[in-house]
C-alpha cells in the first residue's frame, strides 16, 4: 500500500474525484505536452453527468488558464475502466500531438492506461487488516506504531499539518452563515447548530449538536469550494475532523494523541482504497461516507487506547451499516444529501466506538470481509445510484 499521505490531501472542494482529480490530470497532461497550443478535453461517465454541478469544467479551465481549450461532455460512451474517465488531446498548429486517458479514481488520485496498478512508492508490504493485525500482535505494538514504523520520518509533522487544516476548516465553517452557491439555496447550518443551545440540554443532546455542527462546518466549507482535507474524499471530509475535534475538547487529548488517531484512520482508509474503492462514482456513497465512518470509528478507538480487535470491530460496524448507500447528489452538487450524511456518519462513528467497548469479543465479520462486501455491493448498484444524479433524490427532488 502507498503512504497515508496519498489519502489526506489538503485542497479546495467540492469534490476530490470531480475537481481535484481532473485538475491533477490536466496538470499532468500539460507537463507531457508543454508545446501544445490547444487542448481538447472530453469528460465521460459520472464526470460528464455531474461535472457541471461539481465544477469539473471550472477546475480544468483554471488549470488551463493560459492555453486555448475546449471541454466536451460525453454522456453516452461507455466507461469500462472507470466511470470517471477523461480524454485529453493536445494540438499544435492544428496538428494532433498526442492523446491520453486519465481516470479519477477517488480521493484526488488519478491513473492512466499505463499505470493502473499505480507506480507510486509502496510503503506497506501488507494491504489487509488481518495481516497487519497479526504483525502488530506479534510485535506487541499498536496500529499507530505500525504506521510510524513504515512511513517516512516526516509523517508526524505531515499529520499535524493535516490536523491544523481540519481545525481551520471547522473554525471557518462555524464563522460563516448565508447561502451556499449552486442554485439550490441551501442555507449554512453549522453556526446555527453550534450556537443553538437547549435550555435543559442533556449531555447527549449537546454531544449530538456539537459533533453535527463540526461536520456541517467542514462539509459546508467543502460545498463552498473552501480548503478542506480529503478523509478519504471531499464529499466525506466532515466526518473525521468532527469526532476528533469533539473528543479532544471533551477529554483533553493532546495533539500527539490526535496524530496517532489520524495515523490509524489513514491506515483504515488506505486498506479500503487498496482493496475496494473510495469513489462514489464507482461504488456509491458507501465507498465515501462508509469509509469515512470506519476511519473515524477506528480513530476514536485509538484515542481511547482500545485493542486491535476492538478497533477492527468498530471499523467493521461503521462500514457494515453503510452498505448499499447510494450516491445521488441533487443537481450534481455536493450539498443534498451529502452535508447531512457527514453529520449522521460522525454520530454513527461514536456509536461504533461504544459498541466496540462491549461487543468486540462476539464479532463474526472481519473488516476485510466487509470491505470486500462493500466493493461487490458497489459494483452491483445500478449506475443511476453511482454519482450520475440520474436516480434517487437527484431524480425525485424538485427545487421549484
Protein backbone atom coordinates (compact mmCIF):
# COMPACT_ATOMS: atom_id res chain seq x y z
CA UNK A 1 0.00 0.00 0.00
CA UNK A 2 1.00 3.61 -0.54
CA UNK A 3 1.66 6.19 2.14
CA UNK A 4 -1.34 7.52 4.02
CA UNK A 5 -0.23 10.93 2.76
CA UNK A 6 -1.95 9.99 -0.51
CA UNK A 7 -5.23 9.68 1.41
CA UNK A 8 -5.01 13.00 3.25
CA UNK A 9 -4.86 15.73 0.63
CA UNK A 10 -5.27 19.40 1.54
CA UNK A 11 -7.05 21.33 -1.18
CA UNK A 12 -10.17 23.03 -2.45
CA UNK A 13 -13.60 21.40 -2.56
CA UNK A 14 -16.14 20.40 -3.54
CA UNK A 15 -15.09 17.01 -4.96
CA UNK A 16 -11.85 15.05 -4.83
CA UNK A 17 -12.82 12.88 -7.80
CA UNK A 18 -14.56 15.59 -9.85
CA UNK A 19 -12.39 18.65 -9.18
CA UNK A 20 -9.10 17.65 -7.52
CA UNK A 21 -8.51 14.58 -9.71
CA UNK A 22 -9.32 16.29 -13.04
CA UNK A 23 -7.18 19.27 -12.05
CA UNK A 24 -4.23 16.96 -11.26
CA UNK A 25 -4.81 15.06 -14.52
CA UNK A 26 -4.85 18.30 -16.52
CA UNK A 27 -1.59 19.42 -14.96
CA UNK A 28 0.00 16.04 -15.70
CA UNK A 29 -1.11 16.17 -19.34
CA UNK A 30 0.22 19.72 -19.71
CA UNK A 31 3.56 18.54 -18.38
CA UNK A 32 3.60 15.76 -21.01
CA UNK A 33 2.77 18.18 -23.86
CA UNK A 34 4.18 21.59 -22.91
CA UNK A 35 4.34 22.66 -26.56
CA UNK A 36 0.56 22.33 -27.08
CA UNK A 37 -1.33 25.47 -28.10
CA UNK A 38 -4.80 23.89 -27.90
CA UNK A 39 -6.18 21.06 -25.77
CA UNK A 40 -9.46 19.24 -26.23
CA UNK A 41 -10.87 17.64 -23.09
CA UNK A 42 -13.73 15.14 -23.11
CA UNK A 43 -15.45 14.08 -19.91
CA UNK A 44 -17.17 10.69 -19.77
CA UNK A 45 -19.40 8.81 -17.34
CA UNK A 46 -20.06 10.40 -13.98
CA UNK A 47 -17.76 13.30 -14.84
CA UNK A 48 -19.93 14.19 -17.82
CA UNK A 49 -23.23 13.78 -15.97
CA UNK A 50 -22.39 15.66 -12.78
CA UNK A 51 -19.33 17.62 -13.87
CA UNK A 52 -21.07 20.97 -14.13
CA UNK A 53 -22.56 20.68 -10.65
CA UNK A 54 -19.26 19.56 -9.17
CA UNK A 55 -17.28 22.22 -11.03
CA UNK A 56 -15.18 19.80 -13.10
CA UNK A 57 -15.11 22.11 -16.10
CA UNK A 58 -14.11 25.04 -13.89
CA UNK A 59 -11.26 23.06 -12.28
CA UNK A 60 -9.92 22.07 -15.70
CA UNK A 61 -10.26 25.56 -17.15
CA UNK A 62 -8.46 27.10 -14.18
CA UNK A 63 -5.57 24.70 -14.78
CA UNK A 64 -5.55 25.57 -18.49
CA UNK A 65 -5.68 29.33 -17.89
CA UNK A 66 -3.03 30.21 -20.47
CA UNK A 67 -3.92 27.65 -23.14
CA UNK A 68 -6.86 27.60 -25.52
CA UNK A 69 -9.06 24.63 -24.80
CA UNK A 70 -12.44 23.03 -25.32
CA UNK A 71 -14.30 20.86 -22.81
CA UNK A 72 -16.84 18.36 -24.12
CA UNK A 73 -19.38 16.33 -22.10
CA UNK A 74 -19.99 12.82 -23.48
CA UNK A 75 -22.83 11.19 -21.57
CA UNK A 76 -23.29 8.28 -23.99
CA UNK A 77 -19.96 6.49 -24.42
CA UNK A 78 -19.40 3.56 -22.07
CA UNK A 79 -16.62 3.75 -19.48
CA UNK A 80 -15.41 0.15 -18.99
CA UNK A 81 -12.29 1.00 -16.98
CA UNK A 82 -13.67 3.62 -14.55
CA UNK A 83 -16.77 5.84 -14.56
CA UNK A 84 -14.62 8.95 -14.03
CA UNK A 85 -12.84 8.96 -17.38
CA UNK A 86 -11.19 11.94 -19.11
CA UNK A 87 -9.66 12.10 -22.58
CA UNK A 88 -7.09 14.79 -23.37
CA UNK A 89 -5.92 15.58 -26.91
CA UNK A 90 -3.04 18.00 -27.45
CA UNK A 91 -2.70 20.05 -30.64
CA UNK A 92 -0.07 22.37 -32.06
CA UNK A 93 -0.84 24.39 -35.19
CA UNK A 94 -3.98 22.25 -35.68
CA UNK A 95 -1.90 19.06 -35.71
CA UNK A 96 -2.51 16.40 -33.07
CA UNK A 97 0.50 15.85 -30.85
CA UNK A 98 -0.93 13.09 -28.72
CA UNK A 99 -3.80 11.94 -26.54
CA UNK A 100 -4.16 10.23 -23.22
CA UNK A 101 -6.91 8.87 -20.98
CA UNK A 102 -6.96 9.62 -17.28
CA UNK A 103 -9.15 8.05 -14.62
CA UNK A 104 -10.10 9.94 -11.45
CA UNK A 105 -10.46 7.04 -9.04
CA UNK A 106 -11.41 8.91 -5.87
CA UNK A 107 -9.71 10.94 -3.17
CA UNK A 108 -7.92 13.05 -5.79
CA UNK A 109 -6.00 10.02 -7.09
CA UNK A 110 -5.57 9.64 -10.85
CA UNK A 111 -4.49 6.77 -13.09
CA UNK A 112 -3.60 6.41 -16.75
CA UNK A 113 -3.73 3.41 -19.06
CA UNK A 114 -0.09 2.62 -18.41
CA UNK A 115 -0.10 2.90 -14.61
CA UNK A 116 -3.43 1.50 -13.45
CA UNK A 117 -1.54 -0.62 -10.92
CA UNK A 118 -0.05 2.62 -9.55
CA UNK A 119 3.63 3.37 -9.92
CA UNK A 120 3.84 5.31 -6.68
CA UNK A 121 6.14 4.11 -3.93
CA UNK A 122 4.64 1.29 -1.92
CA UNK A 123 5.14 1.94 1.79
CA UNK A 124 3.33 -1.03 3.31
CA UNK A 125 4.01 -4.66 2.39
CA UNK A 126 0.65 -5.66 3.86
CA UNK A 127 -2.70 -4.49 2.46
CA UNK A 128 -5.26 -6.41 4.52
CA UNK A 129 -6.24 -5.70 8.10
CA UNK A 130 -5.80 -9.33 9.17
CA UNK A 131 -2.15 -9.38 8.07
CA UNK A 132 -1.42 -6.01 9.68
CA UNK A 133 -3.11 -7.07 12.91
CA UNK A 134 -1.06 -10.27 13.04
CA UNK A 135 2.18 -8.30 12.75
CA UNK A 136 1.12 -5.82 15.42
CA UNK A 137 0.12 -8.56 17.84
CA UNK A 138 3.35 -10.47 17.26
CA UNK A 139 5.42 -7.35 17.92
CA UNK A 140 3.09 -6.11 20.70
CA UNK A 141 2.65 -2.72 19.08
CA UNK A 142 -0.37 -0.56 18.29
CA UNK A 143 -1.65 0.11 14.78
CA UNK A 144 -0.36 3.67 15.01
CA UNK A 145 3.11 2.33 15.82
CA UNK A 146 2.89 0.14 12.72
CA UNK A 147 2.15 3.24 10.65
CA UNK A 148 5.06 5.20 12.11
CA UNK A 149 7.44 2.27 11.54
CA UNK A 150 6.58 2.10 7.84
CA UNK A 151 6.14 5.75 6.88
CA UNK A 152 8.90 8.30 6.28
CA UNK A 153 10.16 10.23 9.35
CA UNK A 154 8.16 13.30 8.36
CA UNK A 155 4.80 11.57 8.74
CA UNK A 156 4.06 13.07 12.17
CA UNK A 157 4.70 16.68 11.05
CA UNK A 158 2.59 15.97 7.96
CA UNK A 159 -0.30 14.69 10.08
CA UNK A 160 -0.01 17.75 12.29
CA UNK A 161 -0.39 19.90 9.17
CA UNK A 162 -3.44 17.82 8.27
CA UNK A 163 -4.92 18.30 11.74
CA UNK A 164 -4.41 22.06 11.62
CA UNK A 165 -6.11 22.19 8.22
CA UNK A 166 -9.04 20.20 9.59
CA UNK A 167 -9.36 22.55 12.56
CA UNK A 168 -9.18 25.59 10.29
CA UNK A 169 -11.99 24.16 8.15
CA UNK A 170 -14.15 23.73 11.26
CA UNK A 171 -13.44 27.23 12.50
CA UNK A 172 -14.02 28.80 9.10
CA UNK A 173 -17.25 26.90 8.65
CA UNK A 174 -18.55 27.91 12.08
CA UNK A 175 -17.78 31.57 11.38
CA UNK A 176 -19.94 31.79 8.27
CA UNK A 177 -23.65 31.99 7.52
CA UNK A 178 -25.69 32.54 4.40
CA UNK A 179 -26.48 30.50 1.32
CA UNK A 180 -24.19 28.06 -0.44
CA UNK A 181 -23.54 28.57 -4.17
CA UNK A 182 -25.02 26.34 -6.85
CA UNK A 183 -28.66 27.32 -7.12
CA UNK A 184 -30.24 25.04 -4.51
CA UNK A 185 -30.46 27.86 -1.94
CA UNK A 186 -29.03 25.60 0.77
CA UNK A 187 -28.52 27.60 3.96
CA UNK A 188 -25.38 27.11 6.03
CA UNK A 189 -26.42 25.47 9.30
CA UNK A 190 -23.17 24.83 11.18
CA UNK A 191 -23.16 28.16 13.01
CA UNK A 192 -26.81 27.76 14.00
CA UNK A 193 -26.22 24.25 15.36
CA UNK A 194 -23.17 25.37 17.31
CA UNK A 195 -24.94 28.32 18.96
CA UNK A 196 -28.46 26.94 19.41
CA UNK A 197 -28.28 25.58 22.95
CA UNK A 198 -31.31 24.00 24.59
CA UNK A 199 -32.45 25.44 27.92
CA UNK A 200 -32.38 21.98 29.52
CA UNK A 201 -29.80 20.46 27.20
CA UNK A 202 -28.68 16.98 28.23
CA UNK A 203 -25.07 15.82 27.72
CA UNK A 204 -26.28 13.53 24.92
CA UNK A 205 -28.06 16.37 23.15
CA UNK A 206 -25.04 18.61 23.49
CA UNK A 207 -22.77 15.94 22.05
CA UNK A 208 -25.07 15.44 19.07
CA UNK A 209 -25.37 19.19 18.45
CA UNK A 210 -21.65 19.93 18.66
CA UNK A 211 -20.46 16.94 16.64
CA UNK A 212 -23.00 17.69 13.93
CA UNK A 213 -22.09 21.38 13.90
CA UNK A 214 -18.44 20.48 13.26
CA UNK A 215 -19.36 18.03 10.50
CA UNK A 216 -21.65 20.61 8.91
CA UNK A 217 -18.95 23.27 9.18
CA UNK A 218 -16.37 21.29 7.22
CA UNK A 219 -18.87 19.97 4.68
CA UNK A 220 -20.25 23.44 4.06
CA UNK A 221 -16.73 24.74 3.53
CA UNK A 222 -16.25 21.97 1.00
CA UNK A 223 -19.50 22.83 -0.78
CA UNK A 224 -18.34 26.46 -0.95
CA UNK A 225 -15.02 25.44 -2.58
CA UNK A 226 -13.10 26.13 0.63
CA UNK A 227 -9.91 24.44 1.82
CA UNK A 228 -10.53 21.00 3.35
CA UNK A 229 -8.73 17.68 3.83
CA UNK A 230 -9.82 14.59 1.94
CA UNK A 231 -10.71 11.97 4.56
CA UNK A 232 -10.91 9.98 2.41
CA UNK A 233 -12.69 12.27 -0.11
CA UNK A 234 -14.01 15.82 -0.30
CA UNK A 235 -17.61 14.66 -0.11
CA UNK A 236 -16.90 12.84 3.16
CA UNK A 237 -14.41 15.33 4.60
CA UNK A 238 -16.50 16.35 7.62
CA UNK A 239 -16.77 13.04 9.48
CA UNK A 240 -13.26 12.51 10.86
CA UNK A 241 -12.46 16.10 11.92
CA UNK A 242 -15.86 16.39 13.64
CA UNK A 243 -15.31 13.48 16.00
CA UNK A 244 -11.67 14.30 16.67
CA UNK A 245 -12.45 17.94 17.48
CA UNK A 246 -15.26 16.98 19.84
CA UNK A 247 -13.28 14.30 21.66
CA UNK A 248 -10.18 16.45 22.03
CA UNK A 249 -12.18 19.27 23.57
CA UNK A 250 -14.17 16.95 25.82
CA UNK A 251 -11.37 14.67 27.03
CA UNK A 252 -8.34 16.95 26.66
CA UNK A 253 -6.46 14.69 24.28
CA UNK A 254 -3.15 16.13 23.14
CA UNK A 255 -2.24 16.86 19.54
CA UNK A 256 0.11 13.89 19.75
CA UNK A 257 -2.90 11.73 20.61
CA UNK A 258 -4.74 13.14 17.61
CA UNK A 259 -1.79 12.38 15.34
CA UNK A 260 -1.89 8.73 16.43
CA UNK A 261 -5.62 8.66 15.74
CA UNK A 262 -5.12 10.17 12.29
CA UNK A 263 -2.48 7.53 11.58
CA UNK A 264 -4.91 4.70 12.37
CA UNK A 265 -7.72 6.36 10.42
CA UNK A 266 -5.41 6.74 7.44
CA UNK A 267 -4.45 3.08 7.64
CA UNK A 268 -8.12 2.06 7.58
CA UNK A 269 -8.86 4.34 4.63
CA UNK A 270 -5.81 3.02 2.83
CA UNK A 271 -7.00 -0.57 3.20
CA UNK A 272 -10.34 0.34 1.64
CA UNK A 273 -8.78 2.35 -1.19
CA UNK A 274 -6.37 -0.51 -1.97
CA UNK A 275 -8.78 -3.44 -1.82
CA UNK A 276 -12.04 -1.78 -2.85
CA UNK A 277 -12.81 1.84 -3.70
CA UNK A 278 -13.38 5.24 -2.12
CA UNK A 279 -15.10 6.57 -5.24
CA UNK A 280 -18.82 7.37 -5.16
CA UNK A 281 -18.88 7.08 -8.95
CA UNK A 282 -17.59 3.53 -8.72
CA UNK A 283 -19.28 2.15 -5.60
CA UNK A 284 -21.85 4.68 -4.36
CA UNK A 285 -21.71 6.78 -1.24
CA UNK A 286 -20.96 3.72 0.90
CA UNK A 287 -17.43 3.98 -0.51
CA UNK A 288 -17.05 7.58 0.65
CA UNK A 289 -19.18 8.08 3.76
CA UNK A 290 -18.89 4.43 4.79
CA UNK A 291 -15.12 4.60 4.63
CA UNK A 292 -15.05 7.96 6.43
CA UNK A 293 -17.17 6.48 9.22
CA UNK A 294 -14.85 3.47 9.53
CA UNK A 295 -11.84 5.79 9.67
CA UNK A 296 -13.48 7.92 12.35
CA UNK A 297 -14.56 4.93 14.44
CA UNK A 298 -11.05 3.44 14.32
CA UNK A 299 -9.52 6.82 15.18
CA UNK A 300 -11.75 7.14 18.24
CA UNK A 301 -10.75 3.67 19.43
CA UNK A 302 -7.10 4.64 19.10
CA UNK A 303 -7.72 7.78 21.16
CA UNK A 304 -9.15 5.64 23.95
CA UNK A 305 -6.31 3.12 23.61
CA UNK A 306 -8.58 0.21 22.75
CA UNK A 307 -7.15 -3.06 21.48
CA UNK A 308 -6.66 -4.05 17.86
CA UNK A 309 -9.71 -6.34 17.89
CA UNK A 310 -11.86 -3.51 19.23
CA UNK A 311 -10.55 -1.14 16.56
CA UNK A 312 -11.35 -3.69 13.88
CA UNK A 313 -14.84 -4.24 15.26
CA UNK A 314 -15.59 -0.50 15.33
CA UNK A 315 -14.35 -0.01 11.77
CA UNK A 316 -16.32 -3.03 10.57
CA UNK A 317 -19.56 -1.94 12.26
CA UNK A 318 -19.20 1.55 10.81
CA UNK A 319 -18.81 0.21 7.28
CA UNK A 320 -21.36 -2.59 7.54
CA UNK A 321 -24.21 -0.25 8.32
CA UNK A 322 -23.48 1.94 5.32
CA UNK A 323 -23.62 -0.96 2.85
CA UNK A 324 -25.77 -0.11 -0.15
CA UNK A 325 -25.73 3.65 0.47
CA UNK A 326 -26.33 5.34 -2.86
CA UNK A 327 -24.61 8.41 -4.29
CA UNK A 328 -27.38 10.63 -5.67
CA UNK A 329 -26.31 14.28 -5.34
CA UNK A 330 -29.10 16.67 -6.23
CA UNK A 331 -28.13 18.75 -9.28
CA UNK A 332 -24.67 17.20 -9.11
CA UNK A 333 -23.80 19.41 -6.16
CA UNK A 334 -22.05 18.15 -3.03
CA UNK A 335 -24.85 19.52 -0.82
CA UNK A 336 -28.04 17.42 -0.73
CA UNK A 337 -27.84 14.85 0.83
CA UNK A 338 -24.05 14.98 1.21
CA UNK A 339 -23.69 17.55 4.00
CA UNK A 340 -26.19 15.91 6.37
CA UNK A 341 -24.64 12.49 5.70
CA UNK A 342 -21.35 13.70 7.15
CA UNK A 343 -23.08 14.62 10.40
CA UNK A 344 -25.02 11.35 10.59
CA UNK A 345 -21.86 9.32 9.92
CA UNK A 346 -19.94 11.22 12.61
CA UNK A 347 -22.53 10.25 15.20
CA UNK A 348 -22.53 6.68 13.92
CA UNK A 349 -18.77 6.53 14.42
CA UNK A 350 -19.25 7.43 18.07
CA UNK A 351 -21.89 4.70 18.32
CA UNK A 352 -19.42 2.22 16.82
CA UNK A 353 -16.89 3.23 19.47
CA UNK A 354 -19.40 2.45 22.22
CA UNK A 355 -20.31 -0.93 20.73
CA UNK A 356 -16.64 -1.86 20.33
CA UNK A 357 -16.13 -1.27 24.03
CA UNK A 358 -18.51 -4.09 24.87
CA UNK A 359 -19.20 -6.44 21.98
CA UNK A 360 -15.93 -6.97 20.09
CA UNK A 361 -15.35 -10.46 21.51
CA UNK A 362 -18.51 -11.83 19.86
CA UNK A 363 -17.97 -10.34 16.41
CA UNK A 364 -18.44 -12.57 13.37
CA UNK A 365 -17.50 -10.32 10.44
CA UNK A 366 -13.93 -9.16 9.84
CA UNK A 367 -13.04 -5.75 8.46
CA UNK A 368 -11.51 -7.36 5.37
CA UNK A 369 -14.77 -9.17 4.64
CA UNK A 370 -16.90 -6.05 4.99
CA UNK A 371 -14.52 -4.13 2.69
CA UNK A 372 -14.84 -6.82 0.03
CA UNK A 373 -18.60 -6.85 0.55
CA UNK A 374 -18.79 -3.08 0.09
CA UNK A 375 -16.86 -3.33 -3.17
CA UNK A 376 -19.08 -6.06 -4.59
CA UNK A 377 -22.21 -4.24 -3.40
CA UNK A 378 -20.99 -1.09 -5.14
CA UNK A 379 -20.45 -2.94 -8.38
CA UNK A 380 -23.99 -4.33 -8.11
CA UNK A 381 -25.55 -0.88 -7.69
CA UNK A 382 -27.31 0.45 -10.75
CA UNK A 383 -25.31 3.21 -12.42
CA UNK A 384 -28.19 5.57 -11.55
CA UNK A 385 -27.05 5.45 -7.95
CA UNK A 386 -23.33 5.93 -8.55
CA UNK A 387 -22.86 9.70 -8.76
CA UNK A 388 -24.74 10.23 -12.00
CA UNK A 389 -27.56 12.33 -10.48
CA UNK A 390 -30.00 10.24 -12.52
CA UNK A 391 -31.66 8.34 -9.66
CA UNK A 392 -32.78 8.61 -6.06
CA UNK A 393 -33.08 12.07 -4.52
CA UNK A 394 -31.40 13.63 -7.55
CA UNK A 395 -34.22 12.36 -9.76
CA UNK A 396 -37.19 12.99 -7.48
CA UNK A 397 -36.22 16.25 -5.78
CA UNK A 398 -37.73 19.41 -7.18
CA UNK A 399 -36.34 22.85 -6.35
CA UNK A 400 -39.38 24.59 -7.82
